[in-house]
Structures are given as structure tokens and as C-alpha cells.
Protein backbone atom coordinates (compact mmCIF):
# COMPACT_ATOMS: atom_id res chain seq x y z
CA MET A 1 0.00 0.00 0.00
CA LYS A 2 0.97 3.60 -0.61
CA ILE A 3 0.02 5.98 2.17
CA LEU A 4 -0.09 9.80 2.14
CA ILE A 5 0.11 11.72 5.40
CA ILE A 6 -0.68 15.43 5.25
CA GLY A 7 1.03 17.70 7.79
CA LYS A 8 4.47 18.72 9.02
CA GLY A 9 4.67 18.35 12.80
CA GLY A 10 5.39 15.85 15.54
CA ARG A 11 1.95 14.26 15.23
CA GLU A 12 2.52 13.47 11.56
CA HIS A 13 6.04 12.22 12.31
CA ALA A 14 4.59 9.83 14.92
CA ILE A 15 1.86 8.60 12.55
CA ALA A 16 4.45 7.95 9.82
CA TRP A 17 6.78 6.24 12.33
CA LYS A 18 3.98 3.89 13.40
CA ILE A 19 2.72 3.19 9.88
CA LYS A 20 6.26 2.36 8.72
CA GLN A 21 6.15 -0.68 11.02
CA SER A 22 3.29 -2.21 9.00
CA PRO A 23 4.19 -4.96 6.50
CA LEU A 24 1.16 -3.84 4.48
CA VAL A 25 2.87 -0.56 3.55
CA SER A 26 5.26 -0.21 0.61
CA GLU A 27 5.65 3.58 0.52
CA ILE A 28 4.90 6.54 2.77
CA PHE A 29 4.57 10.09 1.45
CA ILE A 30 4.39 13.06 3.81
CA ALA A 31 3.27 16.44 2.48
CA PRO A 32 5.07 18.61 3.26
CA GLY A 33 6.75 16.95 6.27
CA ASN A 34 9.82 18.56 7.81
CA ASP A 35 13.59 18.13 7.68
CA GLY A 36 13.56 15.72 10.63
CA MET A 37 11.40 13.27 8.66
CA LYS A 38 13.38 13.35 5.40
CA ALA A 39 15.93 10.70 6.39
CA GLN A 40 13.19 8.08 6.81
CA PHE A 41 10.30 9.21 4.65
CA ASN A 42 9.52 10.61 1.22
CA CYS A 43 8.63 14.25 1.97
CA ILE A 44 6.71 15.95 -0.82
CA PRO A 45 7.20 19.74 -1.17
CA ILE A 46 3.48 20.55 -1.41
CA GLY A 47 1.98 22.80 1.27
CA GLU A 48 -0.94 21.57 3.38
CA SER A 49 -3.32 24.17 1.96
CA HIS A 50 -2.61 23.34 -1.70
CA THR A 51 -5.50 20.91 -2.09
CA ASP A 52 -5.47 20.75 -5.90
CA GLN A 53 -1.76 19.90 -6.01
CA LEU A 54 -2.14 17.30 -3.26
CA LEU A 55 -5.05 15.72 -5.13
CA GLU A 56 -3.06 15.63 -8.36
CA PHE A 57 -0.14 13.99 -6.53
CA ALA A 58 -2.37 11.38 -4.85
CA LEU A 59 -4.01 10.41 -8.14
CA LYS A 60 -0.76 10.33 -10.09
CA ASN A 61 1.00 8.19 -7.46
CA LYS A 62 -2.00 5.89 -6.90
CA VAL A 63 -2.17 6.57 -3.17
CA ASP A 64 -4.22 3.88 -1.40
CA LEU A 65 -4.92 5.70 1.90
CA THR A 66 -4.63 9.32 3.04
CA ILE A 67 -4.53 10.54 6.65
CA VAL A 68 -4.85 14.25 7.43
CA GLY A 69 -3.05 15.66 10.50
CA PRO A 70 -3.99 19.36 10.91
CA GLU A 71 -7.52 20.58 11.55
CA ALA A 72 -7.23 23.52 9.11
CA VAL A 73 -6.79 21.09 6.20
CA LEU A 74 -9.99 19.28 7.20
CA MET A 75 -11.88 22.58 7.33
CA ASN A 76 -10.55 23.43 3.85
CA GLY A 77 -12.53 20.46 2.53
CA LEU A 78 -9.60 18.37 1.29
CA VAL A 79 -11.31 15.10 2.29
CA ASP A 80 -14.44 15.95 0.30
CA GLN A 81 -12.39 16.78 -2.79
CA PHE A 82 -10.30 13.60 -2.53
CA GLN A 83 -13.42 11.46 -2.07
CA GLN A 84 -15.02 12.96 -5.19
CA HIS A 85 -12.11 11.41 -7.12
CA GLY A 86 -12.54 7.98 -5.55
CA LEU A 87 -9.69 8.20 -3.03
CA THR A 88 -9.83 6.50 0.38
CA LEU A 89 -9.15 8.55 3.52
CA PHE A 90 -9.17 7.95 7.25
CA SER A 91 -10.15 11.52 8.06
CA PRO A 92 -13.52 13.33 8.32
CA THR A 93 -15.27 15.45 5.70
CA LYS A 94 -15.55 19.21 6.18
CA GLY A 95 -19.08 18.80 7.53
CA ALA A 96 -18.03 16.20 10.10
CA ALA A 97 -14.92 18.19 11.06
CA MET A 98 -17.23 20.97 12.26
CA VAL A 99 -17.18 19.23 15.65
CA GLU A 100 -13.77 20.88 15.97
CA GLY A 101 -14.16 23.78 13.55
CA SER A 102 -17.05 25.30 15.51
CA LYS A 103 -17.37 24.91 19.25
CA ASP A 104 -20.90 26.28 19.05
CA PHE A 105 -21.83 23.58 16.49
CA ALA A 106 -20.38 20.87 18.76
CA LYS A 107 -22.17 22.29 21.80
CA ARG A 108 -25.54 22.38 20.02
CA LEU A 109 -25.05 18.79 18.90
CA MET A 110 -24.18 17.67 22.43
CA GLN A 111 -27.18 19.49 23.84
CA LYS A 112 -29.54 17.96 21.25
CA TYR A 113 -28.33 14.39 21.87
CA GLY A 114 -27.86 14.56 25.64
CA ILE A 115 -24.06 14.27 25.68
CA PRO A 116 -22.72 15.59 29.02
CA THR A 117 -20.97 18.97 28.75
CA ALA A 118 -20.82 22.32 30.56
CA GLN A 119 -23.57 24.95 30.31
CA TYR A 120 -22.71 27.73 27.85
CA ALA A 121 -23.80 30.77 25.86
CA THR A 122 -22.49 32.05 22.49
CA PHE A 123 -21.84 35.70 21.62
CA SER A 124 -20.62 37.79 18.70
CA ASP A 125 -21.29 41.13 20.42
CA TYR A 126 -18.81 42.26 23.07
CA ASP A 127 -21.28 44.29 25.16
CA LYS A 128 -23.75 41.40 25.37
CA ALA A 129 -20.95 38.99 26.24
CA LYS A 130 -19.69 41.38 28.93
CA ALA A 131 -23.20 41.72 30.42
CA TYR A 132 -23.56 37.92 30.56
CA LEU A 133 -20.12 37.61 32.13
CA ASP A 134 -21.02 40.15 34.83
CA ARG A 135 -24.13 38.12 35.59
CA VAL A 136 -22.50 34.65 35.87
CA GLY A 137 -19.17 35.69 37.41
CA ALA A 138 -15.87 33.77 37.66
CA PRO A 139 -14.26 31.27 37.46
CA ILE A 140 -15.40 30.93 33.86
CA VAL A 141 -14.09 29.60 30.55
CA ILE A 142 -13.83 31.76 27.40
CA LYS A 143 -13.48 29.94 24.06
CA TYR A 144 -13.00 31.28 20.55
CA ASP A 145 -15.49 29.57 18.23
CA GLY A 146 -13.10 28.51 15.49
CA ILE A 147 -9.65 27.18 14.68
CA ALA A 148 -7.03 28.66 17.02
CA ALA A 149 -4.27 25.99 17.04
CA GLY A 150 -5.08 24.95 20.59
CA LYS A 151 -4.67 28.48 21.96
CA GLY A 152 -8.24 29.83 21.77
CA VAL A 153 -9.28 28.85 25.30
CA VAL A 154 -8.86 30.97 28.44
CA VAL A 155 -9.70 29.54 31.85
CA ALA A 156 -10.36 32.76 33.76
CA SER A 157 -10.20 32.69 37.54
CA THR A 158 -11.24 36.36 37.74
CA ILE A 159 -13.65 38.64 35.90
CA GLU A 160 -10.70 40.82 34.83
CA VAL A 161 -8.97 37.93 33.05
CA ALA A 162 -12.25 36.93 31.38
CA GLU A 163 -12.89 40.52 30.21
CA GLN A 164 -9.41 40.70 28.71
CA ALA A 165 -10.03 37.45 26.81
CA LEU A 166 -13.34 38.79 25.47
CA LYS A 167 -11.64 41.99 24.30
CA GLU A 168 -8.88 40.08 22.53
CA MET A 169 -11.27 37.71 20.79
CA LEU A 170 -14.24 39.96 19.96
CA LEU A 171 -12.73 43.45 19.69
CA ASP A 172 -9.10 42.84 18.71
CA ARG A 173 -10.00 39.80 16.55
CA LYS A 174 -6.93 37.95 17.85
CA PHE A 175 -7.92 34.75 16.02
CA GLY A 176 -9.94 36.41 13.24
CA ASP A 177 -13.67 37.04 12.85
CA GLY A 178 -15.69 34.68 14.96
CA GLU A 179 -17.96 34.20 17.91
CA VAL A 180 -17.05 33.45 21.51
CA ILE A 181 -18.44 30.84 23.86
CA ILE A 182 -18.70 31.60 27.56
CA GLU A 183 -18.79 28.29 29.37
CA GLN A 184 -19.34 27.06 32.90
CA PHE A 185 -16.09 26.16 34.67
CA LEU A 186 -15.88 22.43 35.42
CA GLU A 187 -13.65 21.04 38.13
CA GLY A 188 -11.71 17.77 38.01
CA PRO A 189 -8.84 16.01 36.23
CA GLU A 190 -8.76 16.38 32.44
CA PHE A 191 -7.93 13.55 30.08
CA SER A 192 -7.84 12.85 26.36
CA LEU A 193 -9.82 9.96 24.91
CA MET A 194 -9.32 9.39 21.20
CA ALA A 195 -11.31 6.84 19.23
CA LEU A 196 -10.98 5.44 15.73
CA VAL A 197 -14.42 5.95 14.20
CA HIS A 198 -16.23 4.89 11.03
CA GLY A 199 -19.92 5.76 11.10
CA GLU A 200 -21.34 4.22 14.27
CA LYS A 201 -18.33 1.95 14.86
CA VAL A 202 -16.13 3.34 17.65
CA VAL A 203 -12.80 1.80 18.69
CA PRO A 204 -11.33 3.68 21.69
CA LEU A 205 -7.60 4.16 22.16
CA VAL A 206 -5.90 4.30 25.58
CA VAL A 207 -6.45 7.53 27.48
CA ALA A 208 -3.68 10.12 27.84
CA GLN A 209 -3.20 13.37 29.72
CA ASP A 210 -1.44 16.34 28.20
CA HIS A 211 0.05 19.44 29.84
CA LYS A 212 -1.28 22.64 28.26
CA ARG A 213 0.45 25.25 30.41
CA ALA A 214 3.91 26.41 29.41
CA TYR A 215 5.69 26.09 32.75
CA ASP A 216 6.14 23.69 35.66
CA GLY A 217 3.23 23.31 38.06
CA ASP A 218 0.76 24.22 35.30
CA GLN A 219 1.80 27.86 35.35
CA GLY A 220 1.98 30.31 32.46
CA PRO A 221 -0.03 30.62 29.24
CA ASN A 222 -1.84 27.83 27.42
CA THR A 223 0.15 26.17 24.65
CA GLY A 224 -0.54 23.47 22.09
CA GLY A 225 0.77 21.01 24.69
CA MET A 226 4.14 20.70 26.47
CA GLY A 227 4.06 16.94 27.01
CA ALA A 228 1.79 13.97 27.61
CA TYR A 229 1.67 10.53 29.16
CA THR A 230 -0.37 7.34 28.95
CA PRO A 231 -2.07 5.56 30.67
CA VAL A 232 -3.62 7.87 33.28
CA PRO A 233 -3.83 6.13 36.70
CA LEU A 234 -6.42 8.60 37.99
CA ILE A 235 -8.86 7.61 35.23
CA SER A 236 -10.14 4.12 35.99
CA GLU A 237 -11.24 1.60 33.37
CA SER A 238 -14.85 2.05 34.52
CA VAL A 239 -14.61 5.83 33.89
CA VAL A 240 -13.18 5.16 30.42
CA GLN A 241 -16.03 2.76 29.64
CA ASP A 242 -18.50 5.35 30.94
CA ALA A 243 -16.99 7.95 28.62
CA VAL A 244 -17.08 5.59 25.64
CA GLU A 245 -20.72 4.62 26.21
CA LYS A 246 -22.08 8.06 27.18
CA ILE A 247 -19.88 10.37 25.08
CA MET A 248 -17.89 8.83 22.22
CA LYS A 249 -20.48 6.36 20.88
CA PRO A 250 -23.43 8.77 21.22
CA MET A 251 -21.44 11.48 19.38
CA ALA A 252 -20.64 9.12 16.51
CA GLN A 253 -24.31 8.08 16.37
CA ALA A 254 -25.44 11.72 16.50
CA MET A 255 -23.31 12.60 13.50
CA VAL A 256 -24.77 9.71 11.51
CA GLN A 257 -28.26 10.97 12.48
CA GLU A 258 -27.33 14.49 11.35
CA GLY A 259 -26.21 13.21 7.94
CA ILE A 260 -22.52 13.97 8.55
CA PRO A 261 -21.08 10.55 9.49
CA PHE A 262 -17.60 10.72 10.98
CA THR A 263 -14.63 8.72 9.70
CA GLY A 264 -11.20 9.14 11.29
CA VAL A 265 -10.00 9.99 14.77
CA LEU A 266 -12.59 11.56 17.06
CA TYR A 267 -10.76 13.23 19.94
CA GLY A 268 -12.61 13.78 23.18
CA GLY A 269 -11.06 16.37 25.48
CA LEU A 270 -12.81 15.24 28.66
CA ILE A 271 -12.94 16.09 32.36
CA LEU A 272 -13.88 13.81 35.25
CA THR A 273 -16.36 15.78 37.36
CA SER A 274 -18.17 14.69 40.55
CA SER A 275 -21.09 13.67 38.31
CA GLY A 276 -18.96 11.67 35.85
CA PRO A 277 -17.01 12.45 32.65
CA GLN A 278 -18.04 15.50 30.63
CA VAL A 279 -16.86 17.00 27.35
CA ILE A 280 -14.62 20.04 27.30
CA GLU A 281 -14.11 19.87 23.53
CA PHE A 282 -14.08 17.57 20.54
CA ASN A 283 -11.35 17.52 17.91
CA ALA A 284 -11.56 15.84 14.52
CA ARG A 285 -8.05 14.33 14.25
CA PHE A 286 -5.17 12.81 16.18
CA GLY A 287 -4.28 14.95 19.21
CA ASP A 288 -0.85 16.49 19.55
CA PRO A 289 1.18 15.66 21.70
CA GLU A 290 -0.94 12.69 22.85
CA THR A 291 -0.42 10.83 19.56
CA GLU A 292 3.34 10.79 20.13
CA VAL A 293 2.91 8.68 23.29
CA ILE A 294 -0.17 6.63 22.37
CA LEU A 295 1.13 5.25 19.07
CA PRO A 296 4.42 3.97 20.59
CA LYS A 297 2.31 2.15 23.20
CA MET A 298 0.21 0.46 20.49
CA LYS A 299 1.44 -3.06 19.67
CA SER A 300 -1.11 -3.71 16.90
CA ASP A 301 -0.65 -2.73 13.25
CA LEU A 302 -2.33 0.68 12.87
CA VAL A 303 -2.87 0.25 9.13
CA GLU A 304 -4.50 -3.15 9.59
CA ILE A 305 -6.81 -1.69 12.26
CA ILE A 306 -7.86 1.20 10.00
CA LEU A 307 -8.54 -1.12 7.05
CA GLU A 308 -10.63 -3.46 9.20
CA LEU A 309 -12.65 -0.51 10.48
CA LEU A 310 -13.21 0.87 6.97
CA ASN A 311 -14.39 -2.60 5.93
CA GLY A 312 -17.10 -2.61 8.60
CA LYS A 313 -15.31 -4.74 11.20
CA THR A 314 -14.60 -3.83 14.85
CA PRO A 315 -10.88 -4.47 15.36
CA GLU A 316 -9.25 -5.34 18.68
CA ILE A 317 -6.17 -3.30 19.65
CA GLU A 318 -3.29 -4.79 21.63
CA TRP A 319 -1.35 -2.46 23.92
CA ASP A 320 2.04 -2.53 25.64
CA SER A 321 1.53 -2.63 29.43
CA ARG A 322 4.18 0.05 30.12
CA PHE A 323 3.82 3.79 30.69
CA TYR A 324 4.84 6.13 27.86
CA LEU A 325 5.70 9.77 28.52
CA GLY A 326 6.67 12.52 26.06
CA VAL A 327 8.45 15.81 26.79
CA VAL A 328 8.22 18.76 24.39
CA LEU A 329 11.19 21.06 23.86
CA ALA A 330 9.93 24.47 22.74
CA SER A 331 11.50 27.74 21.59
CA LYS A 332 11.98 30.26 24.40
CA GLY A 333 9.14 32.76 24.20
CA TYR A 334 6.58 30.22 22.97
CA PRO A 335 3.56 30.48 22.81
CA GLY A 336 4.39 34.16 22.23
CA SER A 337 7.10 35.46 19.89
CA PHE A 338 10.36 33.55 19.59
CA THR A 339 13.55 33.51 17.53
CA LYS A 340 13.97 30.93 14.75
CA GLY A 341 17.21 29.53 13.36
CA GLU A 342 18.87 28.81 16.72
CA GLU A 343 21.19 25.80 16.67
CA ILE A 344 20.24 22.46 18.28
CA GLN A 345 23.03 20.02 19.14
CA GLY A 346 23.00 16.44 20.38
CA LEU A 347 20.14 14.96 18.36
CA GLU A 348 22.36 12.08 17.24
CA LYS A 349 22.93 11.09 20.90
CA VAL A 350 19.23 10.53 21.64
CA THR A 351 18.29 6.83 21.58
CA ASN A 352 14.66 7.37 22.65
CA PRO A 353 11.91 7.76 20.04
CA LEU A 354 12.25 11.39 18.93
CA PHE A 355 9.68 13.27 16.88
CA HIS A 356 10.44 16.50 15.03
CA MET A 357 7.80 19.17 15.54
CA GLY A 358 9.49 22.33 14.28
CA THR A 359 13.07 21.81 13.07
CA GLU A 360 15.08 22.49 9.95
CA PHE A 361 18.51 21.36 8.78
CA LYS A 362 20.34 24.44 7.56
CA ASP A 363 24.03 24.98 6.66
CA GLY A 364 24.94 21.61 8.12
CA LYS A 365 23.24 22.11 11.48
CA TRP A 366 19.86 21.54 13.10
CA CYS A 367 17.86 24.66 14.03
CA ASN A 368 14.44 25.48 15.45
CA SER A 369 11.80 26.56 12.93
CA GLY A 370 8.66 26.58 15.11
CA GLY A 371 7.29 27.12 18.60
CA ARG A 372 7.24 23.48 19.62
CA VAL A 373 10.45 21.94 18.29
CA LEU A 374 11.01 18.35 19.46
CA LEU A 375 9.26 15.64 21.47
CA ILE A 376 11.22 12.90 23.21
CA VAL A 377 9.46 9.74 24.44
CA GLY A 378 10.36 7.62 27.47
CA LYS A 379 8.84 4.35 28.62
CA GLY A 380 8.89 2.30 31.82
CA GLU A 381 7.01 -0.08 34.09
CA THR A 382 6.02 2.89 36.29
CA ILE A 383 5.24 6.51 35.48
CA GLU A 384 8.42 7.50 37.36
CA ALA A 385 10.53 5.15 35.23
CA ALA A 386 8.97 6.50 32.02
CA GLN A 387 9.62 10.05 33.18
CA GLN A 388 13.26 9.31 34.00
CA ASP A 389 13.75 7.62 30.62
CA ALA A 390 12.30 10.62 28.76
CA TYR A 391 14.39 13.17 30.64
CA ARG A 392 17.56 11.10 30.05
CA GLY A 393 16.88 11.65 26.35
CA VAL A 394 16.16 15.36 26.87
CA ALA A 395 19.50 15.74 28.70
CA GLN A 396 21.35 14.79 25.49
CA ILE A 397 20.07 17.92 23.75
CA ASN A 398 22.21 21.06 23.89
CA ALA A 399 20.11 24.05 22.82
CA PRO A 400 20.17 27.14 25.08
CA ASN A 401 17.28 28.68 23.13
CA LEU A 402 14.89 25.82 23.95
CA PHE A 403 12.96 25.23 27.18
CA TYR A 404 10.85 22.39 28.55
CA ARG A 405 8.79 21.49 31.57
CA THR A 406 10.59 19.33 34.13
CA ASP A 407 7.40 17.87 35.64
CA ILE A 408 5.57 16.07 32.83
CA GLY A 409 3.52 13.30 34.44
CA TYR A 410 3.51 14.87 37.90
CA GLN A 411 -0.27 14.51 38.22
CA ALA A 412 0.04 10.73 37.86
CA MET A 413 2.59 10.61 40.67
CA LYS A 414 0.12 12.20 43.11
CA THR A 415 -2.26 9.24 42.85
């Protein structure tokens, strides 16, 4: 089989790394990929947003299966266009991807089908949003209703912080034109539950927990994720089953009912409240950085699982029993402004699985080219052992312009 992966970050690197292990696969194309993937994979210099060129390439090279990484590509309708030409994808159509593309759309769907989630209200007018905020008070959650690369959510502990978020989103148009959701603050541990979905068939993956805040102790601004680990000791198997039966399966069924059946990876960003698991958000693709720890834990052949699912079967997934933990190295200043082109040394010394998120090879040296730069994975029989293994790999990197959290997995150690 020939497989095309669309994207250029650590998530796509991890997907390609996993797929390469399948005896079913003869060739892997990544468009556009990054310099860290080029040694192992055939990177195609076509940008993610160039749908017509990607389609032409897929047809010309007789691609058997396409997997889309970034949400923006899904919202551009690439899947729909590929399907019109008879191509097979394990990614949702533009209509189905609205579960991520519009938080208001997802909320209305959850409300209609009784899927547990926080109370909310949606606003496009700043004054009306401010009046509602004054009425409900803090703590409160402010969400931009659109694609914001994981940075469009503000958990506001005070009215002042919430007001500032409303100003940035509705008046300053920080993420572009769009509405804002003001949502009830839910308390409890958060976890990520991804499922492989085809219509009403739902195959859950192991749960993971990511670390959104930039600095140790969950301090600092929200990022796209500074690290993740799996499994999550705090989330019992009964809670996972509860979430699958009350959230993931009903959402897949709801989308079939609405005429927008979902195929691909349905990501549930969930929280365990005193009344059970509830939805914080849905995404329409593999999560990042959770994918980089979940796929190494998977013993089964990912391609075989996807093909079985697409053929109407319900595959069983076999998992390694160990903990897997990933640490992100990011450019200093991220998620704000940062300097690119700073040298990274020591990559050749790392023996752990290493995924390139934002690197380039320039003038004979490795440099940073993005906010999140590298992810290094550790594994072990305990969460502590996995953490130690990951940080041993991190210690091999010499890059003064990168930073990382030193406490990935700390929540698991409190249980």
C-alpha cells in the first residue's frame, strides 16, 4: 500500500513512524513533512493548503490511503475533494470536522443528543458577552469559536482575566472574525480519549493526559501542549467505559443521524467531574502531543486496524503494558514570539523515540523553525521510570534557546 500523510509536525512524524512498522505498507509520502522526517520518509514539497496539487499527486502516485493531520486542512474540505475522485481517507469530511471547527456547532449537537458537557452561551457582540459575564461571574471559561491551534481557550479565575479574553477575541480579533463561547467552569482532572471511528463503529484508544500550560506546576499561558503521558492512573477503566458509552459512541451516532457521518480519529477532550465524565471539547483528528505517546504504546498494526474498520469490522487493539511519557522542547518565548534559526546540538545522541515538531537542517546544522520543536518519548514499568527515561533523552540535547517542563507526568505521581 501507498500511504499519504498530510502535515508537518510531531503528530505526523509519529503517525508515519507507526505506519512504517506495518508490512502492508510499501511507501509513505508526507506532504510537506519537515527536515527531521526526510531521512526516513519521502517528503513531498506541497503545502498543506494546496488541495489541488495534493489531489493531483495522490491520483498520479495511486495513493491507497490518506490521513490528514492538521484541523485547518480538514476545514478546507480536502477530504471531500479527494473522495469525489474515488480516493480513500481515514479523516472526516468538512461537515463532520465541524465538531472541531465550531465549538458552538459541537455544543448544540451535544445538547440535542444529551451528551454531558458544561452549560454555555455564544456571543458575537462584546457588550452582550460582557453583560452575561457580569451576571454569571468567575471562574469561567472563554473559548474562541473557530480554529485557534489549541490556543483559543482561556480559563479565567477572575472577571478581569475573562474581560481581557473577550476583548482580545471579539474586539481585537486575535484569532480572526468569529464568535465566543462563555462556558461554565468544570472542576476535576482532564484527560484525552481518542477513538478510531467509522460511522457508528467506535474503537477507543488508551487515554492520555497532556500538559497545556507552558511552565512547571501548570503555570503560564496555554500552549498546544508541552508533554503527555499514557495511561492515566487517575482515570479508571470504569470511567473510560462510561466515557465511551455516554460520550464517544453517542457522538458518533449523533453525527450519523445528522447526515454527517464521521470517519477518522474523534478526539474527546474530557474532564472527570463529581457527576462523571463531561466533554470540554471535541477535535476531529489525532491529538498532539498525545499521539506521540499513544502510538508507541500500540502493539497492533495501525494500518490493519484502520482497514478493518473501513471494511465494517470492529478491530481489537493490543497495547504494551508500560507507561509512555513525552516531553516537548519548545522555543523560548513560545507560545508568544520567539527567535527561529537557533542551533540544536546532540540529536544524534538521543536513543529514545524522537519526533520533530518544528526543526530544519540548515548549513549543516539543526535549528528550530517553530514554537514546539522536538518531542522525546520515554517508557517504563512505572510513570516515574517512564519520566526518568524521557528526561535522560532530553539531557542529550544542547540548545540554550529551547525550554521544557521538568514535571511532565507529575499529576500521575500524586495518585
